């Protein structure tokens, strides 16, 4: 059964947010969907961090040596042209409707992984820094998580994670420096039930941020964590 939101989205026609051609309201047209959605392209990705790997492998060498605290990653698109334009539209230009689009793309991708994902019981967004909130006025991960929670009908637990401090900008940092810069960045002051949790972020690059979030949730009692990200870089 569709929700009222789903029904409106199905019947209304609007411009594709990427190319401007006709599409269901808030969604990509068929052509852009084929261009950007990972599930519509043949490929092999690390089950843990979703980076592209050689066929026949299950995990990348980095995950095998590092062992991230999150068990799996679901990534809707690659952070490359043209999909990266959608990420920039949300994060840089404040096009909040794109959070609904990314939630829809994530829900489609999760559905394609049915049977391979553990049974998630809650959705948790990666908290934004005070600096980012002042700059944007919103948290992209939280907006995507809120829409995804509605679309897949799982409770949103926005208070389960909190930041413990400010952190350095990571864009210019290498992998080891990124890991060190976010060490202990998140905490959970609540007792989490022993359930699988989906942690939502807009972009996954090195996985260091997601690792710290997953570590905090597991330490608080969560059974395990699946990373749910709108886009995955080619890191």
Protein backbone atom coordinates (compact mmCIF):
# COMPACT_ATOMS: atom_id res chain seq x y z
CA UNK A 1 0.00 0.00 0.00
CA UNK A 2 1.32 3.43 -0.93
CA UNK A 3 1.36 6.33 1.50
CA UNK A 4 -0.27 9.62 0.46
CA UNK A 5 3.23 10.95 -0.20
CA UNK A 6 3.99 8.02 -2.50
CA UNK A 7 0.73 8.42 -4.39
CA UNK A 8 1.30 12.13 -5.06
CA UNK A 9 4.83 11.38 -6.20
CA UNK A 10 3.57 8.71 -8.61
CA UNK A 11 0.83 10.77 -10.28
CA UNK A 12 2.40 14.25 -10.44
CA UNK A 13 4.66 15.09 -13.36
CA UNK A 14 7.56 17.50 -12.93
CA UNK A 15 11.02 18.21 -14.31
CA UNK A 16 13.83 15.73 -13.63
CA UNK A 17 16.11 17.43 -11.07
CA UNK A 18 19.17 16.46 -13.13
CA UNK A 19 18.31 17.04 -16.81
CA UNK A 20 14.98 18.87 -16.72
CA UNK A 21 13.06 16.29 -18.76
CA UNK A 22 9.65 15.06 -17.65
CA UNK A 23 9.67 12.76 -14.62
CA UNK A 24 7.51 11.76 -11.69
CA UNK A 25 7.52 14.58 -9.16
CA UNK A 26 10.73 14.62 -7.17
CA UNK A 27 12.27 11.68 -9.04
CA UNK A 28 14.79 11.22 -11.84
CA UNK A 29 13.68 10.56 -15.39
CA UNK A 30 14.32 7.07 -16.72
CA UNK A 31 17.46 8.14 -18.58
CA UNK A 32 19.10 9.85 -15.61
CA UNK A 33 18.10 6.99 -13.35
CA UNK A 34 19.94 4.60 -15.67
CA UNK A 35 22.93 6.96 -15.72
CA UNK A 36 23.44 7.38 -11.98
CA UNK A 37 21.90 4.49 -10.05
CA UNK A 38 24.51 1.89 -9.14
CA UNK A 39 22.04 -0.97 -9.32
CA UNK A 40 21.51 -0.24 -13.02
CA UNK A 41 25.19 -0.70 -13.86
CA UNK A 42 27.11 -3.99 -13.84
CA UNK A 43 29.92 -3.92 -11.35
CA UNK A 44 31.48 -5.40 -8.27
CA UNK A 45 31.70 -3.48 -5.01
CA UNK A 46 33.18 -4.22 -1.61
CA UNK A 47 30.34 -5.46 0.57
CA UNK A 48 31.71 -3.53 3.53
CA UNK A 49 32.59 -0.08 2.13
CA UNK A 50 31.04 -0.20 -1.38
CA UNK A 51 34.20 0.81 -3.23
CA UNK A 52 34.65 -0.72 -6.68
CA UNK A 53 36.72 -3.94 -6.59
CA UNK A 54 37.72 -6.70 -8.97
CA UNK A 55 35.13 -9.39 -9.79
CA UNK A 56 35.24 -12.40 -7.50
CA UNK A 57 36.31 -10.45 -4.42
CA UNK A 58 34.04 -9.82 -1.44
CA UNK A 59 35.98 -7.08 0.36
CA UNK A 60 38.62 -4.57 -0.65
CA UNK A 61 42.15 -4.80 0.75
CA UNK A 62 41.58 -1.74 2.92
CA UNK A 63 38.57 -3.26 4.70
CA UNK A 64 40.39 -6.58 5.11
CA UNK A 65 43.27 -4.86 6.89
CA UNK A 66 41.34 -2.12 8.71
CA UNK A 67 38.12 -3.98 9.70
CA UNK A 68 35.61 -1.09 9.93
CA UNK A 69 32.99 -1.16 12.68
CA UNK A 70 30.15 -1.12 10.14
CA UNK A 71 29.29 -4.42 8.49
CA UNK A 72 27.96 -3.35 5.10
CA UNK A 73 27.44 -0.27 2.94
CA UNK A 74 24.53 0.52 0.65
CA UNK A 75 25.38 3.36 -1.77
CA UNK A 76 22.77 4.69 -4.18
CA UNK A 77 25.11 6.46 -6.62
CA UNK A 78 28.78 7.12 -7.30
CA UNK A 79 30.12 10.53 -6.33
CA UNK A 80 31.03 11.37 -9.91
CA UNK A 81 29.48 13.25 -12.81
CA UNK A 82 26.55 13.59 -13.27
CA UNK A 83 25.30 12.27 -9.91
CA UNK A 84 27.67 14.50 -7.95
CA UNK A 85 25.67 17.48 -9.24
CA UNK A 86 22.74 16.25 -7.15
CA UNK A 87 24.90 16.02 -4.02
CA UNK A 88 26.16 19.57 -4.60
CA UNK A 89 22.61 20.75 -5.19
CA UNK A 90 21.64 19.52 -1.73
CA UNK A 91 24.77 20.40 0.23
CA UNK A 92 25.89 23.58 -1.49
CA UNK A 93 22.69 25.08 -2.87
CA UNK A 94 20.24 23.94 -0.21
CA UNK A 95 17.84 22.16 -2.56
CA UNK A 96 16.16 20.25 0.26
CA UNK A 97 13.81 18.41 -2.09
CA UNK A 98 16.86 16.41 -3.21
CA UNK A 99 16.94 14.78 0.24
CA UNK A 100 13.64 13.11 -0.73
CA UNK A 101 15.18 12.00 -4.02
CA UNK A 102 18.21 10.45 -2.32
CA UNK A 103 15.92 8.68 0.15
CA UNK A 104 13.96 7.26 -2.77
CA UNK A 105 17.15 6.11 -4.53
CA UNK A 106 18.43 4.54 -1.31
CA UNK A 107 15.13 2.74 -0.76
CA UNK A 108 15.33 1.33 -4.32
CA UNK A 109 18.90 0.22 -3.76
CA UNK A 110 18.06 -1.39 -0.42
CA UNK A 111 15.18 -3.25 -2.05
CA UNK A 112 17.60 -4.62 -4.66
CA UNK A 113 19.73 -5.96 -1.79
CA UNK A 114 16.78 -7.76 -0.19
CA UNK A 115 17.96 -10.95 1.46
CA UNK A 116 21.54 -9.68 1.72
CA UNK A 117 20.95 -7.02 4.37
CA UNK A 118 20.38 -7.70 8.08
CA UNK A 119 16.94 -6.71 9.43
CA UNK A 120 17.30 -3.02 10.26
CA UNK A 121 15.19 -1.69 13.12
CA UNK A 122 16.17 2.00 13.23
CA UNK A 123 17.59 4.81 11.11
CA UNK A 124 20.24 7.13 12.59
CA UNK A 125 21.72 10.19 10.82
CA UNK A 126 25.37 11.22 11.10
CA UNK A 127 25.31 14.42 13.21
CA UNK A 128 26.59 17.58 11.53
CA UNK A 129 29.18 19.86 13.08
CA UNK A 130 28.11 23.20 14.51
CA UNK A 131 30.23 24.85 11.82
CA UNK A 132 28.38 23.03 9.02
CA UNK A 133 24.99 23.76 10.58
CA UNK A 134 25.77 27.47 10.78
CA UNK A 135 26.94 27.47 7.16
CA UNK A 136 24.05 25.49 5.63
CA UNK A 137 21.27 25.88 8.15
CA UNK A 138 20.50 22.16 7.94
CA UNK A 139 22.12 18.71 8.13
CA UNK A 140 22.00 16.90 4.75
CA UNK A 141 22.36 13.48 6.39
CA UNK A 142 19.48 14.20 8.76
CA UNK A 143 17.23 15.37 5.92
CA UNK A 144 17.94 12.20 3.92
CA UNK A 145 17.47 10.03 7.03
CA UNK A 146 14.13 11.65 7.83
CA UNK A 147 12.82 10.99 4.32
CA UNK A 148 14.24 7.45 4.24
CA UNK A 149 12.66 6.67 7.61
CA UNK A 150 9.30 7.66 6.15
CA UNK A 151 9.81 5.78 2.87
CA UNK A 152 10.90 2.44 4.39
CA UNK A 153 8.81 2.83 7.57
CA UNK A 154 11.56 2.50 10.15
CA UNK A 155 11.83 4.72 13.24
CA UNK A 156 14.22 7.67 13.07
CA UNK A 157 16.49 7.81 16.13
CA UNK A 158 18.16 11.20 15.71
CA UNK A 159 19.31 11.39 19.35
CA UNK A 160 21.25 8.13 19.42
CA UNK A 161 24.43 9.79 18.15
CA UNK A 162 26.01 13.08 19.22
CA UNK A 163 29.29 14.76 18.38
CA UNK A 164 31.81 15.07 21.18
CA UNK A 165 33.79 17.96 19.66
CA UNK A 166 34.55 19.93 16.53
CA UNK A 167 36.78 18.28 13.95
CA UNK A 168 39.19 19.44 11.28
CA UNK A 169 38.06 19.69 7.67
CA UNK A 170 38.91 16.36 6.03
CA UNK A 171 39.05 17.26 2.33
CA UNK A 172 42.83 17.65 2.22
CA UNK A 173 43.63 14.77 4.60
CA UNK A 174 44.89 11.32 3.62
CA UNK A 175 43.32 8.10 4.89
CA UNK A 176 45.38 7.75 8.08
CA UNK A 177 44.98 11.44 8.93
CA UNK A 178 41.21 11.23 8.39
CA UNK A 179 40.97 8.29 10.76
CA UNK A 180 42.96 10.11 13.42
CA UNK A 181 41.04 13.38 13.04
CA UNK A 182 37.66 11.73 13.79
CA UNK A 183 38.77 9.26 16.46
CA UNK A 184 36.22 9.39 19.31
CA UNK A 185 34.16 12.00 17.44
CA UNK A 186 30.80 10.40 18.27
CA UNK A 187 29.19 9.13 21.44
CA UNK A 188 25.90 7.59 22.47
CA UNK A 189 24.59 8.36 25.95
CA UNK A 190 21.61 6.05 25.60
CA UNK A 191 21.45 2.28 25.93
CA UNK A 192 20.74 0.97 22.44
CA UNK A 193 18.70 -2.22 22.11
CA UNK A 194 20.52 -5.16 20.50
CA UNK A 195 19.27 -4.42 16.98
CA UNK A 196 20.76 -3.64 13.57
CA UNK A 197 20.91 0.07 12.82
CA UNK A 198 21.10 1.88 9.49
CA UNK A 199 23.36 4.95 9.73
CA UNK A 200 22.71 7.56 7.04
CA UNK A 201 25.24 9.96 5.51
CA UNK A 202 25.29 11.93 2.27
CA UNK A 203 28.75 10.88 1.02
CA UNK A 204 31.12 8.13 2.13
CA UNK A 205 34.78 8.74 1.28
CA UNK A 206 37.32 6.97 3.48
CA UNK A 207 34.73 5.45 5.82
CA UNK A 208 36.47 6.92 8.87
CA UNK A 209 33.44 8.97 9.96
CA UNK A 210 31.07 6.03 9.50
CA UNK A 211 33.46 3.77 11.42
CA UNK A 212 33.44 6.09 14.44
CA UNK A 213 29.64 6.39 14.37
CA UNK A 214 29.23 2.62 14.11
CA UNK A 215 31.75 2.04 16.89
CA UNK A 216 29.84 4.38 19.23
CA UNK A 217 26.50 2.68 18.49
CA UNK A 218 27.88 -0.82 18.91
CA UNK A 219 29.56 0.16 22.17
CA UNK A 220 26.15 1.41 23.37
CA UNK A 221 24.51 -1.94 22.61
CA UNK A 222 23.60 -2.02 18.91
CA UNK A 223 23.99 -5.46 17.35
CA UNK A 224 25.48 -4.07 14.16
CA UNK A 225 25.50 -1.16 11.72
CA UNK A 226 24.83 -0.86 8.00
CA UNK A 227 26.01 2.33 6.29
CA UNK A 228 23.31 3.89 4.09
CA UNK A 229 24.88 6.58 1.93
CA UNK A 230 23.56 8.63 -0.95
CA UNK A 231 26.91 8.56 -2.75
CA UNK A 232 30.23 6.73 -2.61
CA UNK A 233 33.45 8.33 -3.79
CA UNK A 234 36.07 6.46 -5.79
CA UNK A 235 38.56 6.80 -2.88
